[in-house]
Amino acid sequence: MPTKAGSARRSAPPDMNLLVTLDALLSEGSVTGAAQRLNLSSPAMSRQLARIRHLLGDPVLVRAGRGLVPTPRAQALRERLRMLVAEAEALVRGEDELDLARLERSFVIRTSDSFVLSFGAGLAARVAREAPCVRLRFAPQDKEDIEALREGRVDVDIGVIGAAGPEIRLQALFHDRFVGVVRSGHPLTDTVTPELFAGFPHISVSRRGRFSGPIDTALEALGLSRRVTIAVANFADALAIARTSDHVAAVPARLTTPARIGLHTFDLPVKTDALAISLAWHPRLDADPAHRWLRGIVREVCADGRRQP
């Protein structure tokens, strides 16, 4: 004998807004995060979650420590739900015509501080000129995971991208090279030989805290080694330390051009491989007109930067 609640769940017409809400809740993993994403208050989002639980007859999200984790049923719905919501958004926006002047959308770009410093202003200017109602949120590269692209929490990834998964689209934006950087007046502002280079303390830039890398391999081939005494997570921190110490930093040339003002830059006395700075996105957004526009302006702003001295 079906219960009244069960009969209500089967007979009530579905509220499509609840699918968008559920997608946001599963992507963000928190009521607060989902509320911010959909421009709702936390109490309103809590009420929506209660309606979703009643509709599905499932808790959907349960407490685990300080956060929320999806139930097995919610986990099973996640990918299909994401595709449905993306298709619905594309249907509402229209696939053929894109009115940038009226486009209201927030894009999340996950990239490094250095990329934002070098290209963020250019992207902001393009968006303000072409799509004034669009908002950009730059998210930090705190970890290398493609789930954020799959789940729609991140629209594009920009940086040195390793194994991104077979379904992730990848396009090279430009190639960069490492240069050495020291403070003004540092002894390495004159001739830089491998021996002199290796003789000063160095800074390693690694999100994983590594103290060695390609430069050490190149020095070892010459029978030399350097003293890496500091490891930092980003190039901005490395340049800040180099600016007020005798430490040597090795950073990508194009990505750090504005940040190196007032510092002395020199070519490394050893050879290292070039860095491929790429743009990554999920294929479900291939045909989305607004996403295509975003990818296009990212490519064009990077190309404009490449043409500048």
C-alpha atoms as a PDB file:
ATOM      1  CA  MET A   1       0.000   0.000   0.000  1.00  0.00           C
ATOM      2  CA  PRO A   2       1.702   3.277  -1.029  1.00  0.00           C
ATOM      3  CA  THR A   3       2.098   5.913   1.662  1.00  0.00           C
ATOM      4  CA  LYS A   4       0.642   9.396   1.274  1.00  0.00           C
ATOM      5  CA  ALA A   5       4.156  10.844   1.070  1.00  0.00           C
ATOM      6  CA  GLY A   6       5.121   8.331  -1.618  1.00  0.00           C
ATOM      7  CA  SER A   7       1.952   9.068  -3.604  1.00  0.00           C
ATOM      8  CA  ALA A   8       2.630  12.790  -3.337  1.00  0.00           C
ATOM      9  CA  ARG A   9       6.175  12.339  -4.615  1.00  0.00           C
ATOM     10  CA  ARG A  10       4.932  10.386  -7.630  1.00  0.00           C
ATOM     11  CA  SER A  11       1.960  12.576  -8.481  1.00  0.00           C
ATOM     12  CA  ALA A  12       3.381  16.057  -7.872  1.00  0.00           C
ATOM     13  CA  PRO A  13       4.725  17.762 -11.011  1.00  0.00           C
ATOM     14  CA  PRO A  14       8.509  18.116 -10.811  1.00  0.00           C
ATOM     15  CA  ASP A  15       9.947  21.550 -10.057  1.00  0.00           C
ATOM     16  CA  MET A  16      12.828  22.006 -12.486  1.00  0.00           C
ATOM     17  CA  ASN A  17      14.355  24.653 -10.222  1.00  0.00           C
ATOM     18  CA  LEU A  18      14.967  21.923  -7.668  1.00  0.00           C
ATOM     19  CA  LEU A  19      17.198  20.102 -10.164  1.00  0.00           C
ATOM     20  CA  VAL A  20      19.362  23.222 -10.501  1.00  0.00           C
ATOM     21  CA  THR A  21      19.423  23.550  -6.721  1.00  0.00           C
ATOM     22  CA  LEU A  22      20.361  19.899  -6.233  1.00  0.00           C
ATOM     23  CA  ASP A  23      23.127  20.236  -8.821  1.00  0.00           C
ATOM     24  CA  ALA A  24      24.535  23.233  -6.932  1.00  0.00           C
ATOM     25  CA  LEU A  25      24.321  21.425  -3.583  1.00  0.00           C
ATOM     26  CA  LEU A  26      26.130  18.346  -4.894  1.00  0.00           C
ATOM     27  CA  SER A  27      28.781  20.435  -6.654  1.00  0.00           C
ATOM     28  CA  GLU A  28      29.494  22.724  -3.689  1.00  0.00           C
ATOM     29  CA  GLY A  29      29.012  20.164  -0.904  1.00  0.00           C
ATOM     30  CA  SER A  30      27.565  22.815   1.394  1.00  0.00           C
ATOM     31  CA  VAL A  31      24.369  24.789   1.853  1.00  0.00           C
ATOM     32  CA  THR A  32      26.304  28.055   2.131  1.00  0.00           C
ATOM     33  CA  GLY A  33      28.340  27.441  -1.021  1.00  0.00           C
ATOM     34  CA  ALA A  34      25.270  26.449  -3.034  1.00  0.00           C
ATOM     35  CA  ALA A  35      23.401  29.512  -1.763  1.00  0.00           C
ATOM     36  CA  GLN A  36      26.209  31.827  -2.872  1.00  0.00           C
ATOM     37  CA  ARG A  37      26.383  30.126  -6.267  1.00  0.00           C
ATOM     38  CA  LEU A  38      22.641  30.643  -6.883  1.00  0.00           C
ATOM     39  CA  ASN A  39      22.452  34.064  -5.165  1.00  0.00           C
ATOM     40  CA  LEU A  40      20.122  32.780  -2.453  1.00  0.00           C
ATOM     41  CA  SER A  41      20.196  33.161   1.313  1.00  0.00           C
ATOM     42  CA  SER A  42      21.301  30.180   3.407  1.00  0.00           C
ATOM     43  CA  PRO A  43      17.828  29.771   4.994  1.00  0.00           C
ATOM     44  CA  ALA A  44      16.237  29.736   1.521  1.00  0.00           C
ATOM     45  CA  MET A  45      18.715  27.105   0.374  1.00  0.00           C
ATOM     46  CA  SER A  46      17.993  25.014   3.491  1.00  0.00           C
ATOM     47  CA  ARG A  47      14.285  25.111   2.640  1.00  0.00           C
ATOM     48  CA  GLN A  48      15.064  24.015  -0.911  1.00  0.00           C
ATOM     49  CA  LEU A  49      17.132  21.118   0.440  1.00  0.00           C
ATOM     50  CA  ALA A  50      14.212  20.064   2.630  1.00  0.00           C
ATOM     51  CA  ARG A  51      11.934  20.034  -0.449  1.00  0.00           C
ATOM     52  CA  ILE A  52      14.473  17.966  -2.398  1.00  0.00           C
ATOM     53  CA  ARG A  53      14.710  15.451   0.441  1.00  0.00           C
ATOM     54  CA  HIS A  54      10.932  15.139   0.502  1.00  0.00           C
ATOM     55  CA  LEU A  55      10.730  14.798  -3.284  1.00  0.00           C
ATOM     56  CA  LEU A  56      13.380  12.067  -3.478  1.00  0.00           C
ATOM     57  CA  GLY A  57      12.635  10.387  -0.183  1.00  0.00           C
ATOM     58  CA  ASP A  58      16.351  10.485   0.514  1.00  0.00           C
ATOM     59  CA  PRO A  59      18.575  12.640   2.811  1.00  0.00           C
ATOM     60  CA  VAL A  60      20.668  13.609  -0.262  1.00  0.00           C
ATOM     61  CA  LEU A  61      23.409  15.231   1.864  1.00  0.00           C
ATOM     62  CA  VAL A  62      24.408  14.054   5.336  1.00  0.00           C
ATOM     63  CA  ARG A  63      26.726  15.532   7.929  1.00  0.00           C
ATOM     64  CA  ALA A  64      30.346  14.243   7.982  1.00  0.00           C
ATOM     65  CA  GLY A  65      32.525  16.188  10.389  1.00  0.00           C
ATOM     66  CA  ARG A  66      32.167  19.868   9.509  1.00  0.00           C
ATOM     67  CA  GLY A  67      30.977  19.225   5.977  1.00  0.00           C
ATOM     68  CA  LEU A  68      28.259  17.424   4.044  1.00  0.00           C
ATOM     69  CA  VAL A  69      28.687  14.325   1.885  1.00  0.00           C
ATOM     70  CA  PRO A  70      26.232  12.939  -0.698  1.00  0.00           C
ATOM     71  CA  THR A  71      24.276   9.762  -0.064  1.00  0.00           C
ATOM     72  CA  PRO A  72      24.803   6.833  -2.479  1.00  0.00           C
ATOM     73  CA  ARG A  73      21.637   7.768  -4.348  1.00  0.00           C
ATOM     74  CA  ALA A  74      22.692  11.401  -4.699  1.00  0.00           C
ATOM     75  CA  GLN A  75      26.150  10.296  -5.845  1.00  0.00           C
ATOM     76  CA  ALA A  76      24.573   8.099  -8.518  1.00  0.00           C
ATOM     77  CA  LEU A  77      22.483  11.050  -9.767  1.00  0.00           C
ATOM     78  CA  ARG A  78      25.355  13.552  -9.880  1.00  0.00           C
ATOM     79  CA  GLU A  79      26.737  13.106 -13.408  1.00  0.00           C
ATOM     80  CA  ARG A  80      23.355  12.652 -15.076  1.00  0.00           C
ATOM     81  CA  LEU A  81      21.984  15.651 -13.203  1.00  0.00           C
ATOM     82  CA  ARG A  82      24.947  17.812 -14.273  1.00  0.00           C
ATOM     83  CA  MET A  83      24.331  16.942 -17.920  1.00  0.00           C
ATOM     84  CA  LEU A  84      20.591  17.638 -17.629  1.00  0.00           C
ATOM     85  CA  VAL A  85      21.179  21.033 -16.048  1.00  0.00           C
ATOM     86  CA  ALA A  86      23.794  21.953 -18.666  1.00  0.00           C
ATOM     87  CA  GLU A  87      21.416  20.975 -21.476  1.00  0.00           C
ATOM     88  CA  ALA A  88      18.574  22.940 -19.887  1.00  0.00           C
ATOM     89  CA  GLU A  89      20.785  26.022 -19.527  1.00  0.00           C
ATOM     90  CA  ALA A  90      21.872  25.721 -23.172  1.00  0.00           C
ATOM     91  CA  LEU A  91      18.209  25.358 -24.240  1.00  0.00           C
ATOM     92  CA  VAL A  92      17.166  28.476 -22.329  1.00  0.00           C
ATOM     93  CA  ARG A  93      20.140  30.535 -23.547  1.00  0.00           C
ATOM     94  CA  GLY A  94      19.813  29.370 -27.133  1.00  0.00           C
ATOM     95  CA  GLU A  95      22.586  27.593 -29.023  1.00  0.00           C
ATOM     96  CA  ASP A  96      22.683  29.787 -32.114  1.00  0.00           C
ATOM     97  CA  GLU A  97      22.559  33.373 -30.900  1.00  0.00           C
ATOM     98  CA  LEU A  98      24.452  34.894 -28.019  1.00  0.00           C
ATOM     99  CA  ASP A  99      23.556  38.382 -26.828  1.00  0.00           C
ATOM    100  CA  LEU A 100      26.685  39.349 -24.911  1.00  0.00           C
ATOM    101  CA  ALA A 101      25.222  42.678 -23.866  1.00  0.00           C
ATOM    102  CA  ARG A 102      22.488  40.820 -21.939  1.00  0.00           C
ATOM    103  CA  LEU A 103      24.420  37.734 -20.888  1.00  0.00           C
ATOM    104  CA  GLU A 104      24.248  37.274 -17.105  1.00  0.00           C
ATOM    105  CA  ARG A 105      26.607  34.533 -16.028  1.00  0.00           C
ATOM    106  CA  SER A 106      29.463  33.857 -13.635  1.00  0.00           C
ATOM    107  CA  PHE A 107      32.515  31.954 -14.876  1.00  0.00           C
ATOM    108  CA  VAL A 108      35.026  30.291 -12.577  1.00  0.00           C
ATOM    109  CA  ILE A 109      38.605  30.293 -13.897  1.00  0.00           C
ATOM    110  CA  ARG A 110      41.047  28.184 -11.915  1.00  0.00           C
ATOM    111  CA  THR A 111      44.584  29.439 -12.420  1.00  0.00           C
ATOM    112  CA  SER A 112      47.691  30.740 -10.679  1.00  0.00           C
ATOM    113  CA  ASP A 113      48.241  34.123  -9.060  1.00  0.00           C
ATOM    114  CA  SER A 114      50.872  34.801 -11.725  1.00  0.00           C
ATOM    115  CA  PHE A 115      48.411  34.299 -14.572  1.00  0.00           C
ATOM    116  CA  VAL A 116      45.898  36.624 -12.896  1.00  0.00           C
ATOM    117  CA  LEU A 117      48.597  39.265 -12.389  1.00  0.00           C
ATOM    118  CA  SER A 118      49.738  39.046 -16.024  1.00  0.00           C
ATOM    119  CA  PHE A 119      46.423  38.565 -17.845  1.00  0.00           C
ATOM    120  CA  GLY A 120      43.621  39.256 -15.361  1.00  0.00           C
ATOM    121  CA  ALA A 121      43.350  42.952 -16.226  1.00  0.00           C
ATOM    122  CA  GLY A 122      43.186  42.170 -19.942  1.00  0.00           C
ATOM    123  CA  LEU A 123      40.415  39.635 -19.405  1.00  0.00           C
ATOM    124  CA  ALA A 124      38.525  42.013 -17.135  1.00  0.00           C
ATOM    125  CA  ALA A 125      38.692  44.769 -19.765  1.00  0.00           C
ATOM    126  CA  ARG A 126      37.388  42.456 -22.510  1.00  0.00           C
ATOM    127  CA  VAL A 127      34.515  41.257 -20.341  1.00  0.00           C
ATOM    128  CA  ALA A 128      33.568  44.789 -19.272  1.00  0.00           C
ATOM    129  CA  ARG A 129      33.568  45.931 -22.900  1.00  0.00           C
ATOM    130  CA  GLU A 130      31.744  42.977 -24.467  1.00  0.00           C
ATOM    131  CA  ALA A 131      29.601  41.434 -21.718  1.00  0.00           C
ATOM    132  CA  PRO A 132      29.161  43.898 -18.836  1.00  0.00           C
ATOM    133  CA  CYS A 133      26.815  41.596 -16.878  1.00  0.00           C
ATOM    134  CA  VAL A 134      29.284  38.697 -16.851  1.00  0.00           C
ATOM    135  CA  ARG A 135      31.351  38.055 -13.720  1.00  0.00           C
ATOM    136  CA  LEU A 136      34.708  36.264 -13.494  1.00  0.00           C
ATOM    137  CA  ARG A 137      35.871  34.450 -10.376  1.00  0.00           C
ATOM    138  CA  PHE A 138      39.518  33.413 -10.295  1.00  0.00           C
ATOM    139  CA  ALA A 139      39.914  30.306  -8.129  1.00  0.00           C
ATOM    140  CA  PRO A 140      43.322  29.225  -6.771  1.00  0.00           C
ATOM    141  CA  GLN A 141      45.118  26.125  -8.021  1.00  0.00           C
ATOM    142  CA  ASP A 142      45.170  24.546  -4.589  1.00  0.00           C
ATOM    143  CA  LYS A 143      45.149  21.015  -5.977  1.00  0.00           C
ATOM    144  CA  GLU A 144      45.240  19.177  -9.275  1.00  0.00           C
ATOM    145  CA  ASP A 145      41.823  17.569  -9.675  1.00  0.00           C
ATOM    146  CA  ILE A 146      39.551  17.270 -12.682  1.00  0.00           C
ATOM    147  CA  GLU A 147      36.395  16.577 -10.683  1.00  0.00           C
ATOM    148  CA  ALA A 148      35.783  20.321 -10.460  1.00  0.00           C
ATOM    149  CA  LEU A 149      35.670  20.491 -14.284  1.00  0.00           C
ATOM    150  CA  ARG A 150      33.455  17.417 -14.504  1.00  0.00           C
ATOM    151  CA  GLU A 151      31.032  18.709 -11.890  1.00  0.00           C
ATOM    152  CA  GLY A 152      30.892  22.265 -13.201  1.00  0.00           C
ATOM    153  CA  ARG A 153      32.452  23.919 -10.154  1.00  0.00           C
ATOM    154  CA  VAL A 154      35.191  25.222 -12.471  1.00  0.00           C
ATOM    155  CA  ASP A 155      34.556  26.397 -16.045  1.00  0.00           C
ATOM    156  CA  VAL A 156      38.159  26.407 -17.269  1.00  0.00           C
ATOM    157  CA  ASP A 157      41.569  25.445 -15.921  1.00  0.00           C
ATOM    158  CA  ILE A 158      44.588  27.483 -17.040  1.00  0.00           C
ATOM    159  CA  GLY A 159      48.190  26.532 -16.339  1.00  0.00           C
ATOM    160  CA  VAL A 160      50.685  23.717 -16.696  1.00  0.00           C
ATOM    161  CA  ILE A 161      48.210  20.849 -16.880  1.00  0.00           C
ATOM    162  CA  GLY A 162      49.376  17.262 -16.553  1.00  0.00           C
ATOM    163  CA  ALA A 163      47.219  14.142 -16.827  1.00  0.00           C
ATOM    164  CA  ALA A 164      43.746  15.652 -17.146  1.00  0.00           C
ATOM    165  CA  GLY A 165      41.778  12.561 -18.113  1.00  0.00           C
ATOM    166  CA  PRO A 166      40.896  11.337 -21.612  1.00  0.00           C
ATOM    167  CA  GLU A 167      37.637  13.292 -21.860  1.00  0.00           C
ATOM    168  CA  ILE A 168      39.031  16.710 -20.899  1.00  0.00           C
ATOM    169  CA  ARG A 169      39.610  19.144 -23.768  1.00  0.00           C
ATOM    170  CA  LEU A 170      43.051  20.750 -23.769  1.00  0.00           C
ATOM    171  CA  GLN A 171      44.405  23.627 -25.869  1.00  0.00           C
ATOM    172  CA  ALA A 172      47.842  25.248 -25.638  1.00  0.00           C
ATOM    173  CA  LEU A 173      47.770  29.004 -25.039  1.00  0.00           C
ATOM    174  CA  PHE A 174      51.498  29.774 -25.149  1.00  0.00           C
ATOM    175  CA  HIS A 175      54.901  28.436 -24.159  1.00  0.00           C
ATOM    176  CA  ASP A 176      56.983  29.980 -21.414  1.00  0.00           C
ATOM    177  CA  ARG A 177      60.589  29.616 -20.255  1.00  0.00           C
ATOM    178  CA  PHE A 178      62.263  29.857 -16.887  1.00  0.00           C
ATOM    179  CA  VAL A 179      64.478  32.834 -16.061  1.00  0.00           C
ATOM    180  CA  GLY A 180      66.549  33.605 -12.994  1.00  0.00           C
ATOM    181  CA  VAL A 181      65.601  36.504 -10.725  1.00  0.00           C
ATOM    182  CA  VAL A 182      67.578  38.256  -7.975  1.00  0.00           C
ATOM    183  CA  ARG A 183      67.351  41.550  -6.104  1.00  0.00           C
ATOM    184  CA  SER A 184      68.804  44.715  -7.556  1.00  0.00           C
ATOM    185  CA  GLY A 185      72.514  44.907  -6.702  1.00  0.00           C
ATOM    186  CA  HIS A 186      72.875  41.148  -6.245  1.00  0.00           C
ATOM    187  CA  PRO A 187      76.297  39.709  -7.300  1.00  0.00           C
ATOM    188  CA  LEU A 188      74.535  37.733 -10.053  1.00  0.00           C
ATOM    189  CA  THR A 189      73.625  40.945 -11.862  1.00  0.00           C
ATOM    190  CA  ASP A 190      76.979  40.586 -13.649  1.00  0.00           C
ATOM    191  CA  THR A 191      78.113  37.503 -15.564  1.00  0.00           C
ATOM    192  CA  VAL A 192      76.200  34.375 -14.557  1.00  0.00           C
ATOM    193  CA  THR A 193      78.055  31.061 -14.862  1.00  0.00           C
ATOM    194  CA  PRO A 194      76.689  27.701 -13.706  1.00  0.00           C
ATOM    195  CA  GLU A 195      79.227  27.733 -10.850  1.00  0.00           C
ATOM    196  CA  LEU A 196      78.232  31.199  -9.615  1.00  0.00           C
ATOM    197  CA  PHE A 197      74.555  30.370 -10.053  1.00  0.00           C
ATOM    198  CA  ALA A 198      74.869  27.240  -7.927  1.00  0.00           C
ATOM    199  CA  GLY A 199      76.811  29.072  -5.235  1.00  0.00           C
ATOM    200  CA  PHE A 200      73.889  31.138  -3.902  1.00  0.00           C
ATOM    201  CA  PRO A 201      70.880  29.905  -1.889  1.00  0.00           C
ATOM    202  CA  HIS A 202      67.814  29.118  -4.001  1.00  0.00           C
ATOM    203  CA  ILE A 203      64.029  29.109  -3.676  1.00  0.00           C
ATOM    204  CA  SER A 204      61.924  26.228  -4.963  1.00  0.00           C
ATOM    205  CA  VAL A 205      58.372  26.857  -6.160  1.00  0.00           C
ATOM    206  CA  SER A 206      56.250  23.751  -5.650  1.00  0.00           C
ATOM    207  CA  ARG A 207      52.681  23.281  -4.445  1.00  0.00           C
ATOM    208  CA  ARG A 208      53.826  19.930  -3.071  1.00  0.00           C
ATOM    209  CA  GLY A 209      56.781  21.386  -1.199  1.00  0.00           C
ATOM    210  CA  ARG A 210      59.510  19.791  -3.315  1.00  0.00           C
ATOM    211  CA  PHE A 211      63.072  21.076  -2.956  1.00  0.00           C
ATOM    212  CA  SER A 212      64.398  19.818  -6.297  1.00  0.00           C
ATOM    213  CA  GLY A 213      63.383  19.862  -9.935  1.00  0.00           C
ATOM    214  CA  PRO A 214      64.593  20.203 -13.563  1.00  0.00           C
ATOM    215  CA  ILE A 215      67.220  22.833 -12.685  1.00  0.00           C
ATOM    216  CA  ASP A 216      68.895  20.435 -10.265  1.00  0.00           C
ATOM    217  CA  THR A 217      68.936  17.732 -12.938  1.00  0.00           C
ATOM    218  CA  ALA A 218      70.594  20.139 -15.393  1.00  0.00           C
ATOM    219  CA  LEU A 219      73.209  21.172 -12.811  1.00  0.00           C
ATOM    220  CA  GLU A 220      73.960  17.554 -11.922  1.00  0.00           C
ATOM    221  CA  ALA A 221      74.816  16.921 -15.574  1.00  0.00           C
ATOM    222  CA  LEU A 222      77.567  19.525 -15.131  1.00  0.00           C
ATOM    223  CA  GLY A 223      78.763  18.014 -11.863  1.00  0.00           C
ATOM    224  CA  LEU A 224      77.205  20.830  -9.818  1.00  0.00           C
ATOM    225  CA  SER A 225      74.518  21.139  -7.162  1.00  0.00           C
ATOM    226  CA  ARG A 226      72.706  24.084  -5.623  1.00  0.00           C
ATOM    227  CA  ARG A 227      71.418  24.767  -2.098  1.00  0.00           C
ATOM    228  CA  VAL A 228      67.638  25.031  -2.098  1.00  0.00           C
ATOM    229  CA  THR A 229      66.834  26.358   1.353  1.00  0.00           C
ATOM    230  CA  ILE A 230      63.234  27.539   0.900  1.00  0.00           C
ATOM    231  CA  ALA A 231      60.181  25.983  -0.763  1.00  0.00           C
ATOM    232  CA  VAL A 232      57.068  28.085  -1.446  1.00  0.00           C
ATOM    233  CA  ALA A 233      53.748  27.348  -3.142  1.00  0.00           C
ATOM    234  CA  ASN A 234      53.685  30.142  -5.737  1.00  0.00           C
ATOM    235  CA  PHE A 235      55.920  32.424  -7.778  1.00  0.00           C
ATOM    236  CA  ALA A 236      54.726  35.603  -6.060  1.00  0.00           C
ATOM    237  CA  ASP A 237      56.105  34.379  -2.726  1.00  0.00           C
ATOM    238  CA  ALA A 238      59.397  33.373  -4.357  1.00  0.00           C
ATOM    239  CA  LEU A 239      59.807  36.836  -5.893  1.00  0.00           C
ATOM    240  CA  ALA A 240      58.954  38.534  -2.594  1.00  0.00           C
ATOM    241  CA  ILE A 241      61.736  36.594  -0.844  1.00  0.00           C
ATOM    242  CA  ALA A 242      64.226  37.212  -3.655  1.00  0.00           C
ATOM    243  CA  ARG A 243      63.465  40.938  -3.539  1.00  0.00           C
ATOM    244  CA  THR A 244      64.836  41.295   0.023  1.00  0.00           C
ATOM    245  CA  SER A 245      67.488  38.561   0.266  1.00  0.00           C
ATOM    246  CA  ASP A 246      70.387  36.959  -1.586  1.00  0.00           C
ATOM    247  CA  HIS A 247      68.203  34.004  -2.640  1.00  0.00           C
ATOM    248  CA  VAL A 248      67.785  33.162  -6.312  1.00  0.00           C
ATOM    249  CA  ALA A 249      64.355  32.437  -7.780  1.00  0.00           C
ATOM    250  CA  ALA A 250      63.628  30.675 -11.082  1.00  0.00           C
ATOM    251  CA  VAL A 251      60.254  31.715 -12.514  1.00  0.00           C
ATOM    252  CA  PRO A 252      58.374  31.633 -15.852  1.00  0.00           C
ATOM    253  CA  ALA A 253      59.222  34.757 -17.844  1.00  0.00           C
ATOM    254  CA  ARG A 254      55.812  35.666 -19.328  1.00  0.00           C
ATOM    255  CA  LEU A 255      53.742  34.710 -16.319  1.00  0.00           C
ATOM    256  CA  THR A 256      55.740  36.928 -13.985  1.00  0.00           C
ATOM    257  CA  THR A 257      56.525  39.985 -16.124  1.00  0.00           C
ATOM    258  CA  PRO A 258      54.619  42.539 -13.963  1.00  0.00           C
ATOM    259  CA  ALA A 259      55.785  40.941 -10.706  1.00  0.00           C
ATOM    260  CA  ARG A 260      59.475  41.212 -11.675  1.00  0.00           C
ATOM    261  CA  ILE A 261      59.499  45.011 -11.919  1.00  0.00           C
ATOM    262  CA  GLY A 262      62.421  46.309  -9.845  1.00  0.00           C
ATOM    263  CA  LEU A 263      64.203  42.949  -9.829  1.00  0.00           C
ATOM    264  CA  HIS A 264      67.107  41.782 -11.988  1.00  0.00           C
ATOM    265  CA  THR A 265      66.277  39.038 -14.490  1.00  0.00           C
ATOM    266  CA  PHE A 266      68.841  36.876 -16.275  1.00  0.00           C
ATOM    267  CA  ASP A 267      68.909  33.831 -18.536  1.00  0.00           C
ATOM    268  CA  LEU A 268      69.519  30.607 -16.676  1.00  0.00           C
ATOM    269  CA  PRO A 269      73.030  29.230 -17.240  1.00  0.00           C
ATOM    270  CA  VAL A 270      71.523  25.753 -17.744  1.00  0.00           C
ATOM    271  CA  LYS A 271      68.868  24.516 -20.151  1.00  0.00           C
ATOM    272  CA  THR A 272      65.383  23.539 -18.983  1.00  0.00           C
ATOM    273  CA  ASP A 273      62.313  22.474 -20.930  1.00  0.00           C
ATOM    274  CA  ALA A 274      59.736  25.065 -21.945  1.00  0.00           C
ATOM    275  CA  LEU A 275      56.453  25.237 -20.050  1.00  0.00           C
ATOM    276  CA  ALA A 276      53.221  24.713 -21.992  1.00  0.00           C
ATOM    277  CA  ILE A 277      50.491  26.934 -20.541  1.00  0.00           C
ATOM    278  CA  SER A 278      47.180  25.356 -21.544  1.00  0.00           C
ATOM    279  CA  LEU A 279      43.434  25.869 -21.331  1.00  0.00           C
ATOM    280  CA  ALA A 280      41.324  22.904 -20.152  1.00  0.00           C
ATOM    281  CA  TRP A 281      37.542  22.416 -20.052  1.00  0.00           C
ATOM    282  CA  HIS A 282      34.930  19.659 -20.030  1.00  0.00           C
ATOM    283  CA  PRO A 283      33.500  18.587 -23.416  1.00  0.00           C
ATOM    284  CA  ARG A 284      29.898  19.063 -22.280  1.00  0.00           C
ATOM    285  CA  LEU A 285      30.604  22.803 -22.687  1.00  0.00           C
ATOM    286  CA  ASP A 286      32.042  22.494 -26.202  1.00  0.00           C
ATOM    287  CA  ALA A 287      28.929  23.810 -27.931  1.00  0.00           C
ATOM    288  CA  ASP A 288      27.874  26.281 -25.250  1.00  0.00           C
ATOM    289  CA  PRO A 289      28.005  29.725 -26.950  1.00  0.00           C
ATOM    290  CA  ALA A 290      28.934  31.653 -23.807  1.00  0.00           C
ATOM    291  CA  HIS A 291      31.668  29.191 -22.917  1.00  0.00           C
ATOM    292  CA  ARG A 292      33.011  29.341 -26.473  1.00  0.00           C
ATOM    293  CA  TRP A 293      33.170  33.129 -26.130  1.00  0.00           C
ATOM    294  CA  LEU A 294      35.037  32.808 -22.816  1.00  0.00           C
ATOM    295  CA  ARG A 295      37.588  30.425 -24.325  1.00  0.00           C
ATOM    296  CA  GLY A 296      38.010  32.757 -27.269  1.00  0.00           C
ATOM    297  CA  ILE A 297      38.774  35.865 -25.219  1.00  0.00           C
ATOM    298  CA  VAL A 298      41.229  33.898 -23.051  1.00  0.00           C
ATOM    299  CA  ARG A 299      43.112  32.826 -26.182  1.00  0.00           C
ATOM    300  CA  GLU A 300      43.054  36.336 -27.648  1.00  0.00           C
ATOM    301  CA  VAL A 301      44.218  38.069 -24.455  1.00  0.00           C
ATOM    302  CA  CYS A 302      47.100  35.588 -24.159  1.00  0.00           C
ATOM    303  CA  ALA A 303      47.978  36.142 -27.827  1.00  0.00           C
ATOM    304  CA  ASP A 304      47.953  39.912 -27.323  1.00  0.00           C
ATOM    305  CA  GLY A 305      50.338  39.468 -24.401  1.00  0.00           C
ATOM    306  CA  ARG A 306      52.617  37.334 -26.534  1.00  0.00           C
ATOM    307  CA  ARG A 307      52.925  40.110 -29.093  1.00  0.00           C
ATOM    308  CA  GLN A 308      53.890  42.683 -26.466  1.00  0.00           C
ATOM    309  CA  PRO A 309      57.613  43.150 -25.726  1.00  0.00           C
END
